[in-house]
PDB file of N, CA and C in Angstrom:
ATOM      1  N   MET A   1     -39.723 -11.079  79.852  1.00  0.00           N
ATOM      2  CA  MET A   1     -38.280 -11.299  79.799  1.00  0.00           C
ATOM      3  C   MET A   1     -37.826 -11.285  78.340  1.00  0.00           C
ATOM      4  N   ALA A   2     -36.698 -10.644  78.115  1.00  0.00           N
ATOM      5  CA  ALA A   2     -36.110 -10.609  76.777  1.00  0.00           C
ATOM      6  C   ALA A   2     -34.748 -11.281  76.835  1.00  0.00           C
ATOM      7  N   GLU A   3     -34.387 -11.901  75.741  1.00  0.00           N
ATOM      8  CA  GLU A   3     -33.078 -12.541  75.649  1.00  0.00           C
ATOM      9  C   GLU A   3     -32.325 -11.898  74.486  1.00  0.00           C
ATOM     10  N   HIS A   4     -31.079 -11.510  74.751  1.00  0.00           N
ATOM     11  CA  HIS A   4     -30.258 -10.833  73.745  1.00  0.00           C
ATOM     12  C   HIS A   4     -28.979 -11.627  73.528  1.00  0.00           C
ATOM     13  N   ILE A   5     -28.497 -11.611  72.300  1.00  0.00           N
ATOM     14  CA  ILE A   5     -27.232 -12.246  71.955  1.00  0.00           C
ATOM     15  C   ILE A   5     -26.236 -11.144  71.601  1.00  0.00           C
ATOM     16  N   LEU A   6     -25.090 -11.127  72.264  1.00  0.00           N
ATOM     17  CA  LEU A   6     -24.037 -10.142  72.022  1.00  0.00           C
ATOM     18  C   LEU A   6     -22.723 -10.869  71.783  1.00  0.00           C
ATOM     19  N   THR A   7     -21.832 -10.239  71.063  1.00  0.00           N
ATOM     20  CA  THR A   7     -20.473 -10.724  70.935  1.00  0.00           C
ATOM     21  C   THR A   7     -19.590  -9.825  71.777  1.00  0.00           C
ATOM     22  N   CYS A   8     -18.898 -10.402  72.726  1.00  0.00           N
ATOM     23  CA  CYS A   8     -18.014  -9.621  73.594  1.00  0.00           C
ATOM     24  C   CYS A   8     -16.783  -9.192  72.789  1.00  0.00           C
ATOM     25  N   ILE A   9     -16.383  -7.933  72.979  1.00  0.00           N
ATOM     26  CA  ILE A   9     -15.238  -7.397  72.236  1.00  0.00           C
ATOM     27  C   ILE A   9     -14.064  -7.045  73.153  1.00  0.00           C
ATOM     28  N   LEU A  10     -14.121  -7.460  74.407  1.00  0.00           N
ATOM     29  CA  LEU A  10     -13.099  -7.028  75.361  1.00  0.00           C
ATOM     30  C   LEU A  10     -11.839  -7.878  75.381  1.00  0.00           C
ATOM     31  N   CYS A  11     -11.870  -9.047  74.808  1.00  0.00           N
ATOM     32  CA  CYS A  11     -10.650  -9.860  74.723  1.00  0.00           C
ATOM     33  C   CYS A  11     -10.682 -10.640  73.408  1.00  0.00           C
ATOM     34  N   PRO A  12      -9.599 -11.294  73.049  1.00  0.00           N
ATOM     35  CA  PRO A  12      -9.544 -11.989  71.752  1.00  0.00           C
ATOM     36  C   PRO A  12     -10.481 -13.189  71.617  1.00  0.00           C
ATOM     37  N   LEU A  13     -11.086 -13.656  72.691  1.00  0.00           N
ATOM     38  CA  LEU A  13     -11.960 -14.827  72.604  1.00  0.00           C
ATOM     39  C   LEU A  13     -13.266 -14.549  71.862  1.00  0.00           C
ATOM     40  N   SER A  14     -13.733 -13.307  71.862  1.00  0.00           N
ATOM     41  CA  SER A  14     -14.982 -12.927  71.181  1.00  0.00           C
ATOM     42  C   SER A  14     -16.142 -13.851  71.527  1.00  0.00           C
ATOM     43  N   CYS A  15     -16.366 -14.024  72.806  1.00  0.00           N
ATOM     44  CA  CYS A  15     -17.418 -14.927  73.276  1.00  0.00           C
ATOM     45  C   CYS A  15     -18.795 -14.457  72.819  1.00  0.00           C
ATOM     46  N   THR A  16     -19.661 -15.416  72.521  1.00  0.00           N
ATOM     47  CA  THR A  16     -21.053 -15.128  72.228  1.00  0.00           C
ATOM     48  C   THR A  16     -21.803 -15.182  73.551  1.00  0.00           C
ATOM     49  N   LEU A  17     -22.341 -14.046  73.942  1.00  0.00           N
ATOM     50  CA  LEU A  17     -23.007 -13.914  75.235  1.00  0.00           C
ATOM     51  C   LEU A  17     -24.514 -13.970  75.058  1.00  0.00           C
ATOM     52  N   THR A  18     -25.175 -14.653  75.958  1.00  0.00           N
ATOM     53  CA  THR A  18     -26.626 -14.634  76.026  1.00  0.00           C
ATOM     54  C   THR A  18     -26.985 -13.839  77.272  1.00  0.00           C
ATOM     55  N   VAL A  19     -27.785 -12.809  77.075  1.00  0.00           N
ATOM     56  CA  VAL A  19     -28.118 -11.894  78.164  1.00  0.00           C
ATOM     57  C   VAL A  19     -29.627 -11.892  78.359  1.00  0.00           C
ATOM     58  N   LYS A  20     -30.049 -12.192  79.588  1.00  0.00           N
ATOM     59  CA  LYS A  20     -31.471 -12.151  79.911  1.00  0.00           C
ATOM     60  C   LYS A  20     -31.760 -10.844  80.630  1.00  0.00           C
ATOM     61  N   GLU A  21     -32.831 -10.173  80.179  1.00  0.00           N
ATOM     62  CA  GLU A  21     -33.207  -8.867  80.699  1.00  0.00           C
ATOM     63  C   GLU A  21     -34.670  -8.883  81.111  1.00  0.00           C
ATOM     64  N   VAL A  22     -34.940  -8.341  82.286  1.00  0.00           N
ATOM     65  CA  VAL A  22     -36.309  -8.210  82.777  1.00  0.00           C
ATOM     66  C   VAL A  22     -36.493  -6.775  83.253  1.00  0.00           C
ATOM     67  N   ASP A  23     -37.462  -6.084  82.697  1.00  0.00           N
ATOM     68  CA  ASP A  23     -37.787  -4.709  83.102  1.00  0.00           C
ATOM     69  C   ASP A  23     -36.563  -3.791  83.124  1.00  0.00           C
ATOM     70  N   GLY A  24     -35.737  -3.869  82.079  1.00  0.00           N
ATOM     71  CA  GLY A  24     -34.578  -2.989  81.970  1.00  0.00           C
ATOM     72  C   GLY A  24     -33.417  -3.353  82.885  1.00  0.00           C
ATOM     73  N   LYS A  25     -33.432  -4.545  83.433  1.00  0.00           N
ATOM     74  CA  LYS A  25     -32.336  -5.000  84.294  1.00  0.00           C
ATOM     75  C   LYS A  25     -31.824  -6.350  83.803  1.00  0.00           C
ATOM     76  N   VAL A  26     -30.521  -6.482  83.761  1.00  0.00           N
ATOM     77  CA  VAL A  26     -29.911  -7.747  83.345  1.00  0.00           C
ATOM     78  C   VAL A  26     -29.988  -8.723  84.512  1.00  0.00           C
ATOM     79  N   THR A  27     -30.574  -9.878  84.251  1.00  0.00           N
ATOM     80  CA  THR A  27     -30.732 -10.879  85.304  1.00  0.00           C
ATOM     81  C   THR A  27     -29.760 -12.039  85.177  1.00  0.00           C
ATOM     82  N   GLU A  28     -29.227 -12.251  83.959  1.00  0.00           N
ATOM     83  CA  GLU A  28     -28.312 -13.379  83.771  1.00  0.00           C
ATOM     84  C   GLU A  28     -27.461 -13.149  82.520  1.00  0.00           C
ATOM     85  N   VAL A  29     -26.182 -13.512  82.627  1.00  0.00           N
ATOM     86  CA  VAL A  29     -25.269 -13.476  81.491  1.00  0.00           C
ATOM     87  C   VAL A  29     -24.603 -14.834  81.406  1.00  0.00           C
ATOM     88  N   THR A  30     -24.694 -15.474  80.247  1.00  0.00           N
ATOM     89  CA  THR A  30     -24.035 -16.767  80.046  1.00  0.00           C
ATOM     90  C   THR A  30     -23.217 -16.713  78.761  1.00  0.00           C
ATOM     91  N   GLY A  31     -22.299 -17.672  78.625  1.00  0.00           N
ATOM     92  CA  GLY A  31     -21.493 -17.783  77.416  1.00  0.00           C
ATOM     93  C   GLY A  31     -20.138 -17.114  77.523  1.00  0.00           C
ATOM     94  N   HIS A  32     -19.835 -16.471  78.642  1.00  0.00           N
ATOM     95  CA  HIS A  32     -18.546 -15.783  78.797  1.00  0.00           C
ATOM     96  C   HIS A  32     -17.486 -16.759  79.301  1.00  0.00           C
ATOM     97  N   ASN A  33     -16.294 -16.632  78.754  1.00  0.00           N
ATOM     98  CA  ASN A  33     -15.179 -17.479  79.176  1.00  0.00           C
ATOM     99  C   ASN A  33     -14.202 -16.746  80.090  1.00  0.00           C
ATOM    100  N   CYS A  34     -14.505 -15.487  80.387  1.00  0.00           N
ATOM    101  CA  CYS A  34     -13.717 -14.731  81.355  1.00  0.00           C
ATOM    102  C   CYS A  34     -14.639 -13.720  82.021  1.00  0.00           C
ATOM    103  N   LYS A  35     -14.170 -13.099  83.083  1.00  0.00           N
ATOM    104  CA  LYS A  35     -15.022 -12.162  83.817  1.00  0.00           C
ATOM    105  C   LYS A  35     -15.359 -10.907  83.020  1.00  0.00           C
ATOM    106  N   LEU A  36     -14.557 -10.597  82.000  1.00  0.00           N
ATOM    107  CA  LEU A  36     -14.806  -9.398  81.205  1.00  0.00           C
ATOM    108  C   LEU A  36     -16.157  -9.445  80.502  1.00  0.00           C
ATOM    109  N   GLY A  37     -16.517 -10.603  79.992  1.00  0.00           N
ATOM    110  CA  GLY A  37     -17.790 -10.749  79.292  1.00  0.00           C
ATOM    111  C   GLY A  37     -18.980 -10.514  80.197  1.00  0.00           C
ATOM    112  N   LYS A  38     -18.869 -10.996  81.418  1.00  0.00           N
ATOM    113  CA  LYS A  38     -19.953 -10.812  82.385  1.00  0.00           C
ATOM    114  C   LYS A  38     -20.119  -9.334  82.743  1.00  0.00           C
ATOM    115  N   GLU A  39     -19.023  -8.587  82.760  1.00  0.00           N
ATOM    116  CA  GLU A  39     -19.072  -7.154  83.047  1.00  0.00           C
ATOM    117  C   GLU A  39     -19.506  -6.354  81.809  1.00  0.00           C
ATOM    118  N   TYR A  40     -19.081  -6.802  80.644  1.00  0.00           N
ATOM    119  CA  TYR A  40     -19.362  -6.102  79.391  1.00  0.00           C
ATOM    120  C   TYR A  40     -20.850  -6.133  79.029  1.00  0.00           C
ATOM    121  N   ALA A  41     -21.483  -7.271  79.171  1.00  0.00           N
ATOM    122  CA  ALA A  41     -22.852  -7.467  78.691  1.00  0.00           C
ATOM    123  C   ALA A  41     -23.854  -6.456  79.239  1.00  0.00           C
ATOM    124  N   PRO A  42     -23.953  -6.250  80.563  1.00  0.00           N
ATOM    125  CA  PRO A  42     -24.944  -5.285  81.051  1.00  0.00           C
ATOM    126  C   PRO A  42     -24.675  -3.860  80.561  1.00  0.00           C
ATOM    127  N   GLN A  43     -23.410  -3.472  80.563  1.00  0.00           N
ATOM    128  CA  GLN A  43     -23.049  -2.118  80.117  1.00  0.00           C
ATOM    129  C   GLN A  43     -23.395  -1.936  78.635  1.00  0.00           C
ATOM    130  N   GLU A  44     -23.046  -2.912  77.816  1.00  0.00           N
ATOM    131  CA  GLU A  44     -23.292  -2.808  76.381  1.00  0.00           C
ATOM    132  C   GLU A  44     -24.788  -2.838  76.059  1.00  0.00           C
ATOM    133  N   LEU A  45     -25.543  -3.617  76.797  1.00  0.00           N
ATOM    134  CA  LEU A  45     -26.969  -3.730  76.533  1.00  0.00           C
ATOM    135  C   LEU A  45     -27.742  -2.509  77.022  1.00  0.00           C
ATOM    136  N   LEU A  46     -27.423  -2.022  78.217  1.00  0.00           N
ATOM    137  CA  LEU A  46     -28.216  -0.974  78.839  1.00  0.00           C
ATOM    138  C   LEU A  46     -27.687   0.445  78.614  1.00  0.00           C
ATOM    139  N   ARG A  47     -26.385   0.597  78.500  1.00  0.00           N
ATOM    140  CA  ARG A  47     -25.799   1.938  78.316  1.00  0.00           C
ATOM    141  C   ARG A  47     -24.475   1.809  77.569  1.00  0.00           C
ATOM    142  N   PRO A  48     -24.529   1.564  76.265  1.00  0.00           N
ATOM    143  CA  PRO A  48     -23.295   1.365  75.504  1.00  0.00           C
ATOM    144  C   PRO A  48     -22.427   2.623  75.463  1.00  0.00           C
ATOM    145  N   LEU A  49     -21.132   2.416  75.638  1.00  0.00           N
ATOM    146  CA  LEU A  49     -20.147   3.494  75.612  1.00  0.00           C
ATOM    147  C   LEU A  49     -19.154   3.241  74.495  1.00  0.00           C
ATOM    148  N   ARG A  50     -18.599   4.320  73.936  1.00  0.00           N
ATOM    149  CA  ARG A  50     -17.611   4.192  72.872  1.00  0.00           C
ATOM    150  C   ARG A  50     -16.523   5.245  73.027  1.00  0.00           C
ATOM    151  N   MET A  51     -15.294   4.857  72.736  1.00  0.00           N
ATOM    152  CA  MET A  51     -14.217   5.824  72.537  1.00  0.00           C
ATOM    153  C   MET A  51     -14.447   6.383  71.135  1.00  0.00           C
ATOM    154  N   VAL A  52     -14.231   7.667  70.970  1.00  0.00           N
ATOM    155  CA  VAL A  52     -14.406   8.281  69.653  1.00  0.00           C
ATOM    156  C   VAL A  52     -13.060   8.818  69.198  1.00  0.00           C
ATOM    157  N   THR A  53     -12.687   8.485  67.984  1.00  0.00           N
ATOM    158  CA  THR A  53     -11.471   9.011  67.375  1.00  0.00           C
ATOM    159  C   THR A  53     -11.862   9.750  66.100  1.00  0.00           C
ATOM    160  N   SER A  54     -11.149  10.824  65.824  1.00  0.00           N
ATOM    161  CA  SER A  54     -11.444  11.614  64.631  1.00  0.00           C
ATOM    162  C   SER A  54     -10.242  12.497  64.334  1.00  0.00           C
ATOM    163  N   THR A  55     -10.453  13.512  63.513  1.00  0.00           N
ATOM    164  CA  THR A  55      -9.435  14.524  63.259  1.00  0.00           C
ATOM    165  C   THR A  55     -10.111  15.890  63.278  1.00  0.00           C
ATOM    166  N   VAL A  56      -9.309  16.925  63.544  1.00  0.00           N
ATOM    167  CA  VAL A  56      -9.771  18.312  63.449  1.00  0.00           C
ATOM    168  C   VAL A  56      -8.768  19.071  62.596  1.00  0.00           C
ATOM    169  N   LYS A  57      -9.189  20.225  62.102  1.00  0.00           N
ATOM    170  CA  LYS A  57      -8.300  21.052  61.271  1.00  0.00           C
ATOM    171  C   LYS A  57      -7.123  21.541  62.105  1.00  0.00           C
ATOM    172  N   LEU A  58      -5.962  21.598  61.454  1.00  0.00           N
ATOM    173  CA  LEU A  58      -4.728  22.013  62.114  1.00  0.00           C
ATOM    174  C   LEU A  58      -4.067  23.099  61.278  1.00  0.00           C
ATOM    175  N   GLN A  59      -3.681  24.193  61.924  1.00  0.00           N
ATOM    176  CA  GLN A  59      -3.000  25.289  61.235  1.00  0.00           C
ATOM    177  C   GLN A  59      -1.570  25.417  61.749  1.00  0.00           C
ATOM    178  N   GLY A  60      -0.687  25.857  60.843  1.00  0.00           N
ATOM    179  CA  GLY A  60       0.685  26.136  61.226  1.00  0.00           C
ATOM    180  C   GLY A  60       1.573  24.910  61.320  1.00  0.00           C
ATOM    181  N   ALA A  61       1.202  23.850  60.633  1.00  0.00           N
ATOM    182  CA  ALA A  61       1.996  22.615  60.660  1.00  0.00           C
ATOM    183  C   ALA A  61       2.098  22.047  59.247  1.00  0.00           C
ATOM    184  N   ALA A  62       2.990  21.071  59.100  1.00  0.00           N
ATOM    185  CA  ALA A  62       3.198  20.447  57.789  1.00  0.00           C
ATOM    186  C   ALA A  62       2.006  19.592  57.359  1.00  0.00           C
ATOM    187  N   ILE A  63       1.176  19.183  58.321  1.00  0.00           N
ATOM    188  CA  ILE A  63      -0.027  18.414  57.983  1.00  0.00           C
ATOM    189  C   ILE A  63      -1.253  19.249  58.331  1.00  0.00           C
ATOM    190  N   SER A  64      -2.382  18.955  57.699  1.00  0.00           N
ATOM    191  CA  SER A  64      -3.572  19.802  57.855  1.00  0.00           C
ATOM    192  C   SER A  64      -4.597  19.264  58.844  1.00  0.00           C
ATOM    193  N   ARG A  65      -4.395  18.052  59.360  1.00  0.00           N
ATOM    194  CA  ARG A  65      -5.366  17.453  60.282  1.00  0.00           C
ATOM    195  C   ARG A  65      -4.639  16.932  61.518  1.00  0.00           C
ATOM    196  N   LEU A  66      -5.265  17.115  62.675  1.00  0.00           N
ATOM    197  CA  LEU A  66      -4.741  16.624  63.943  1.00  0.00           C
ATOM    198  C   LEU A  66      -5.598  15.456  64.405  1.00  0.00           C
ATOM    199  N   PRO A  67      -4.998  14.285  64.634  1.00  0.00           N
ATOM    200  CA  PRO A  67      -5.786  13.178  65.182  1.00  0.00           C
ATOM    201  C   PRO A  67      -6.164  13.482  66.631  1.00  0.00           C
ATOM    202  N   VAL A  68      -7.422  13.223  66.967  1.00  0.00           N
ATOM    203  CA  VAL A  68      -7.945  13.486  68.300  1.00  0.00           C
ATOM    204  C   VAL A  68      -8.766  12.290  68.770  1.00  0.00           C
ATOM    205  N   LYS A  69      -9.015  12.252  70.079  1.00  0.00           N
ATOM    206  CA  LYS A  69      -9.845  11.188  70.638  1.00  0.00           C
ATOM    207  C   LYS A  69     -10.515  11.703  71.903  1.00  0.00           C
ATOM    208  N   THR A  70     -11.481  10.941  72.388  1.00  0.00           N
ATOM    209  CA  THR A  70     -12.117  11.289  73.649  1.00  0.00           C
ATOM    210  C   THR A  70     -11.191  10.865  74.789  1.00  0.00           C
ATOM    211  N   SER A  71     -11.290  11.574  75.905  1.00  0.00           N
ATOM    212  CA  SER A  71     -10.463  11.250  77.063  1.00  0.00           C
ATOM    213  C   SER A  71     -10.934   9.971  77.746  1.00  0.00           C
ATOM    214  N   HIS A  72     -12.173   9.607  77.521  1.00  0.00           N
ATOM    215  CA  HIS A  72     -12.733   8.338  78.013  1.00  0.00           C
ATOM    216  C   HIS A  72     -13.976   8.032  77.182  1.00  0.00           C
ATOM    217  N   PRO A  73     -14.479   6.804  77.273  1.00  0.00           N
ATOM    218  CA  PRO A  73     -15.658   6.461  76.472  1.00  0.00           C
ATOM    219  C   PRO A  73     -16.855   7.353  76.806  1.00  0.00           C
ATOM    220  N   ILE A  74     -17.663   7.620  75.780  1.00  0.00           N
ATOM    221  CA  ILE A  74     -18.869   8.432  75.960  1.00  0.00           C
ATOM    222  C   ILE A  74     -20.093   7.594  75.603  1.00  0.00           C
ATOM    223  N   PRO A  75     -21.272   8.000  76.074  1.00  0.00           N
ATOM    224  CA  PRO A  75     -22.489   7.277  75.686  1.00  0.00           C
ATOM    225  C   PRO A  75     -22.644   7.263  74.164  1.00  0.00           C
ATOM    226  N   LYS A  76     -22.965   6.104  73.651  1.00  0.00           N
ATOM    227  CA  LYS A  76     -23.081   5.923  72.205  1.00  0.00           C
ATOM    228  C   LYS A  76     -24.051   6.920  71.578  1.00  0.00           C
ATOM    229  N   GLU A  77     -25.116   7.260  72.289  1.00  0.00           N
ATOM    230  CA  GLU A  77     -26.112   8.175  71.724  1.00  0.00           C
ATOM    231  C   GLU A  77     -25.602   9.610  71.594  1.00  0.00           C
ATOM    232  N   LYS A  78     -24.465   9.926  72.184  1.00  0.00           N
ATOM    233  CA  LYS A  78     -23.900  11.282  72.091  1.00  0.00           C
ATOM    234  C   LYS A  78     -22.865  11.429  70.968  1.00  0.00           C
ATOM    235  N   ILE A  79     -22.562  10.364  70.261  1.00  0.00           N
ATOM    236  CA  ILE A  79     -21.504  10.419  69.251  1.00  0.00           C
ATOM    237  C   ILE A  79     -21.791  11.455  68.166  1.00  0.00           C
ATOM    238  N   PHE A  80     -22.998  11.505  67.644  1.00  0.00           N
ATOM    239  CA  PHE A  80     -23.289  12.458  66.565  1.00  0.00           C
ATOM    240  C   PHE A  80     -23.210  13.896  67.067  1.00  0.00           C
ATOM    241  N   ASP A  81     -23.694  14.169  68.281  1.00  0.00           N
ATOM    242  CA  ASP A  81     -23.561  15.506  68.864  1.00  0.00           C
ATOM    243  C   ASP A  81     -22.094  15.861  69.052  1.00  0.00           C
ATOM    244  N   PHE A  82     -21.315  14.892  69.505  1.00  0.00           N
ATOM    245  CA  PHE A  82     -19.881  15.070  69.705  1.00  0.00           C
ATOM    246  C   PHE A  82     -19.215  15.464  68.384  1.00  0.00           C
ATOM    247  N   MET A  83     -19.514  14.714  67.328  1.00  0.00           N
ATOM    248  CA  MET A  83     -18.900  14.971  66.023  1.00  0.00           C
ATOM    249  C   MET A  83     -19.315  16.331  65.467  1.00  0.00           C
ATOM    250  N   GLN A  84     -20.556  16.721  65.656  1.00  0.00           N
ATOM    251  CA  GLN A  84     -21.000  18.040  65.190  1.00  0.00           C
ATOM    252  C   GLN A  84     -20.270  19.153  65.927  1.00  0.00           C
ATOM    253  N   GLU A  85     -20.020  18.955  67.206  1.00  0.00           N
ATOM    254  CA  GLU A  85     -19.355  19.985  67.992  1.00  0.00           C
ATOM    255  C   GLU A  85     -17.879  20.142  67.620  1.00  0.00           C
ATOM    256  N   ILE A  86     -17.226  19.048  67.241  1.00  0.00           N
ATOM    257  CA  ILE A  86     -15.797  19.166  66.917  1.00  0.00           C
ATOM    258  C   ILE A  86     -15.541  19.534  65.453  1.00  0.00           C
ATOM    259  N   ALA A  87     -16.537  19.373  64.592  1.00  0.00           N
ATOM    260  CA  ALA A  87     -16.353  19.627  63.155  1.00  0.00           C
ATOM    261  C   ALA A  87     -15.784  21.008  62.836  1.00  0.00           C
ATOM    262  N   PRO A  88     -16.244  22.078  63.471  1.00  0.00           N
ATOM    263  CA  PRO A  88     -15.718  23.398  63.112  1.00  0.00           C
ATOM    264  C   PRO A  88     -14.399  23.773  63.807  1.00  0.00           C
ATOM    265  N   LEU A  89     -13.892  22.930  64.672  1.00  0.00           N
ATOM    266  CA  LEU A  89     -12.688  23.292  65.431  1.00  0.00           C
ATOM    267  C   LEU A  89     -11.461  23.445  64.541  1.00  0.00           C
ATOM    268  N   ILE A  90     -10.647  24.452  64.865  1.00  0.00           N
ATOM    269  CA  ILE A  90      -9.353  24.658  64.221  1.00  0.00           C
ATOM    270  C   ILE A  90      -8.329  24.805  65.340  1.00  0.00           C
ATOM    271  N   VAL A  91      -7.289  23.990  65.288  1.00  0.00           N
ATOM    272  CA  VAL A  91      -6.249  23.986  66.313  1.00  0.00           C
ATOM    273  C   VAL A  91      -4.965  24.540  65.706  1.00  0.00           C
ATOM    274  N   ASN A  92      -4.265  25.341  66.469  1.00  0.00           N
ATOM    275  CA  ASN A  92      -2.981  25.887  66.026  1.00  0.00           C
ATOM    276  C   ASN A  92      -1.843  25.049  66.600  1.00  0.00           C
ATOM    277  N   SER A  93      -0.851  24.749  65.764  1.00  0.00           N
ATOM    278  CA  SER A  93       0.307  24.023  66.254  1.00  0.00           C
ATOM    279  C   SER A  93       1.220  25.006  66.998  1.00  0.00           C
ATOM    280  N   PRO A  94       2.083  24.542  67.870  1.00  0.00           N
ATOM    281  CA  PRO A  94       2.377  23.152  68.185  1.00  0.00           C
ATOM    282  C   PRO A  94       1.326  22.548  69.124  1.00  0.00           C
ATOM    283  N   VAL A  95       1.230  21.219  69.070  1.00  0.00           N
ATOM    284  CA  VAL A  95       0.299  20.466  69.905  1.00  0.00           C
ATOM    285  C   VAL A  95       1.064  19.290  70.503  1.00  0.00           C
ATOM    286  N   VAL A  96       0.773  18.988  71.765  1.00  0.00           N
ATOM    287  CA  VAL A  96       1.417  17.861  72.449  1.00  0.00           C
ATOM    288  C   VAL A  96       0.386  16.751  72.634  1.00  0.00           C
ATOM    289  N   SER A  97       0.788  15.516  72.387  1.00  0.00           N
ATOM    290  CA  SER A  97      -0.099  14.372  72.576  1.00  0.00           C
ATOM    291  C   SER A  97      -0.678  14.392  73.991  1.00  0.00           C
ATOM    292  N   GLY A  98      -1.986  14.222  74.085  1.00  0.00           N
ATOM    293  CA  GLY A  98      -2.661  14.255  75.375  1.00  0.00           C
ATOM    294  C   GLY A  98      -3.173  15.638  75.761  1.00  0.00           C
ATOM    295  N   GLN A  99      -2.784  16.650  75.006  1.00  0.00           N
ATOM    296  CA  GLN A  99      -3.227  18.025  75.277  1.00  0.00           C
ATOM    297  C   GLN A  99      -4.740  18.118  75.102  1.00  0.00           C
ATOM    298  N   VAL A 100      -5.416  18.752  76.048  1.00  0.00           N
ATOM    299  CA  VAL A 100      -6.862  18.932  75.946  1.00  0.00           C
ATOM    300  C   VAL A 100      -7.135  20.017  74.905  1.00  0.00           C
ATOM    301  N   ILE A 101      -7.906  19.656  73.906  1.00  0.00           N
ATOM    302  CA  ILE A 101      -8.266  20.574  72.832  1.00  0.00           C
ATOM    303  C   ILE A 101      -9.557  21.307  73.193  1.00  0.00           C
ATOM    304  N   LYS A 102     -10.525  20.572  73.756  1.00  0.00           N
ATOM    305  CA  LYS A 102     -11.777  21.171  74.215  1.00  0.00           C
ATOM    306  C   LYS A 102     -12.348  20.300  75.327  1.00  0.00           C
ATOM    307  N   LYS A 103     -12.840  20.944  76.372  1.00  0.00           N
ATOM    308  CA  LYS A 103     -13.384  20.222  77.522  1.00  0.00           C
ATOM    309  C   LYS A 103     -14.874  19.924  77.339  1.00  0.00           C
ATOM    310  N   ASN A 104     -15.303  18.846  77.969  1.00  0.00           N
ATOM    311  CA  ASN A 104     -16.720  18.478  78.099  1.00  0.00           C
ATOM    312  C   ASN A 104     -17.489  18.582  76.787  1.00  0.00           C
ATOM    313  N   ILE A 105     -17.029  17.850  75.809  1.00  0.00           N
ATOM    314  CA  ILE A 105     -17.670  17.881  74.490  1.00  0.00           C
ATOM    315  C   ILE A 105     -19.075  17.272  74.578  1.00  0.00           C
ATOM    316  N   ALA A 106     -20.049  17.967  74.014  1.00  0.00           N
ATOM    317  CA  ALA A 106     -21.441  17.505  73.918  1.00  0.00           C
ATOM    318  C   ALA A 106     -22.023  17.126  75.279  1.00  0.00           C
ATOM    319  N   GLY A 107     -21.552  17.772  76.344  1.00  0.00           N
ATOM    320  CA  GLY A 107     -22.060  17.475  77.673  1.00  0.00           C
ATOM    321  C   GLY A 107     -21.777  16.063  78.130  1.00  0.00           C
ATOM    322  N   SER A 108     -20.733  15.464  77.578  1.00  0.00           N
ATOM    323  CA  SER A 108     -20.431  14.056  77.859  1.00  0.00           C
ATOM    324  C   SER A 108     -19.473  13.865  79.029  1.00  0.00           C
ATOM    325  N   ASP A 109     -18.940  14.939  79.570  1.00  0.00           N
ATOM    326  CA  ASP A 109     -17.887  14.898  80.596  1.00  0.00           C
ATOM    327  C   ASP A 109     -16.561  14.383  80.050  1.00  0.00           C
ATOM    328  N   ALA A 110     -16.503  14.118  78.764  1.00  0.00           N
ATOM    329  CA  ALA A 110     -15.247  13.704  78.139  1.00  0.00           C
ATOM    330  C   ALA A 110     -14.627  14.907  77.444  1.00  0.00           C
ATOM    331  N   ASP A 111     -13.312  14.964  77.500  1.00  0.00           N
ATOM    332  CA  ASP A 111     -12.595  16.025  76.806  1.00  0.00           C
ATOM    333  C   ASP A 111     -12.093  15.504  75.461  1.00  0.00           C
ATOM    334  N   LEU A 112     -11.884  16.428  74.535  1.00  0.00           N
ATOM    335  CA  LEU A 112     -11.257  16.094  73.262  1.00  0.00           C
ATOM    336  C   LEU A 112      -9.770  16.311  73.462  1.00  0.00           C
ATOM    337  N   VAL A 113      -8.961  15.283  73.220  1.00  0.00           N
ATOM    338  CA  VAL A 113      -7.525  15.383  73.429  1.00  0.00           C
ATOM    339  C   VAL A 113      -6.771  15.036  72.142  1.00  0.00           C
ATOM    340  N   ALA A 114      -5.595  15.648  72.014  1.00  0.00           N
ATOM    341  CA  ALA A 114      -4.728  15.371  70.863  1.00  0.00           C
ATOM    342  C   ALA A 114      -4.197  13.944  70.983  1.00  0.00           C
ATOM    343  N   ALA A 115      -4.187  13.233  69.885  1.00  0.00           N
ATOM    344  CA  ALA A 115      -3.698  11.863  69.876  1.00  0.00           C
ATOM    345  C   ALA A 115      -2.275  11.784  69.287  1.00  0.00           C
ATOM    346  N   ARG A 116      -1.689  12.948  68.995  1.00  0.00           N
ATOM    347  CA  ARG A 116      -0.351  12.989  68.401  1.00  0.00           C
ATOM    348  C   ARG A 116       0.279  14.340  68.688  1.00  0.00           C
ATOM    349  N   SER A 117       1.561  14.343  68.894  1.00  0.00           N
ATOM    350  CA  SER A 117       2.297  15.611  69.036  1.00  0.00           C
ATOM    351  C   SER A 117       2.647  16.124  67.648  1.00  0.00           C
ATOM    352  N   ILE A 118       2.428  17.407  67.438  1.00  0.00           N
ATOM    353  CA  ILE A 118       2.732  18.051  66.159  1.00  0.00           C
ATOM    354  C   ILE A 118       3.549  19.313  66.458  1.00  0.00           C
ATOM    355  N   PRO A 119       4.793  19.389  65.931  1.00  0.00           N
ATOM    356  CA  PRO A 119       5.596  20.589  66.202  1.00  0.00           C
ATOM    357  C   PRO A 119       5.079  21.826  65.471  1.00  0.00           C
TER     358      PRO A 119
END
């Protein structure tokens, strides 16, 4: 059995969670002051996910970079592959916030979407 200490980031309480794990399975979560911590701990310990925000090159606009983000959280271990795949992208304006720039980045099932409208 292993015991892990995590800080929950899902609400302003920032609870310190104690997570007990046996053979790759979470058996107990303590220290949470709301249900979010109990849900967060197993996911964060066993398969952490992250929203990724960045910028890509933008042509034909007053600014040179377009803010972008993932359409949903991706596995943490795919972040570097994700960033390598978007690095060479060049987007032409106009762009609408929420517009899909590229689908299924790094095999993550997440799309790269514009985080801002640019005329």
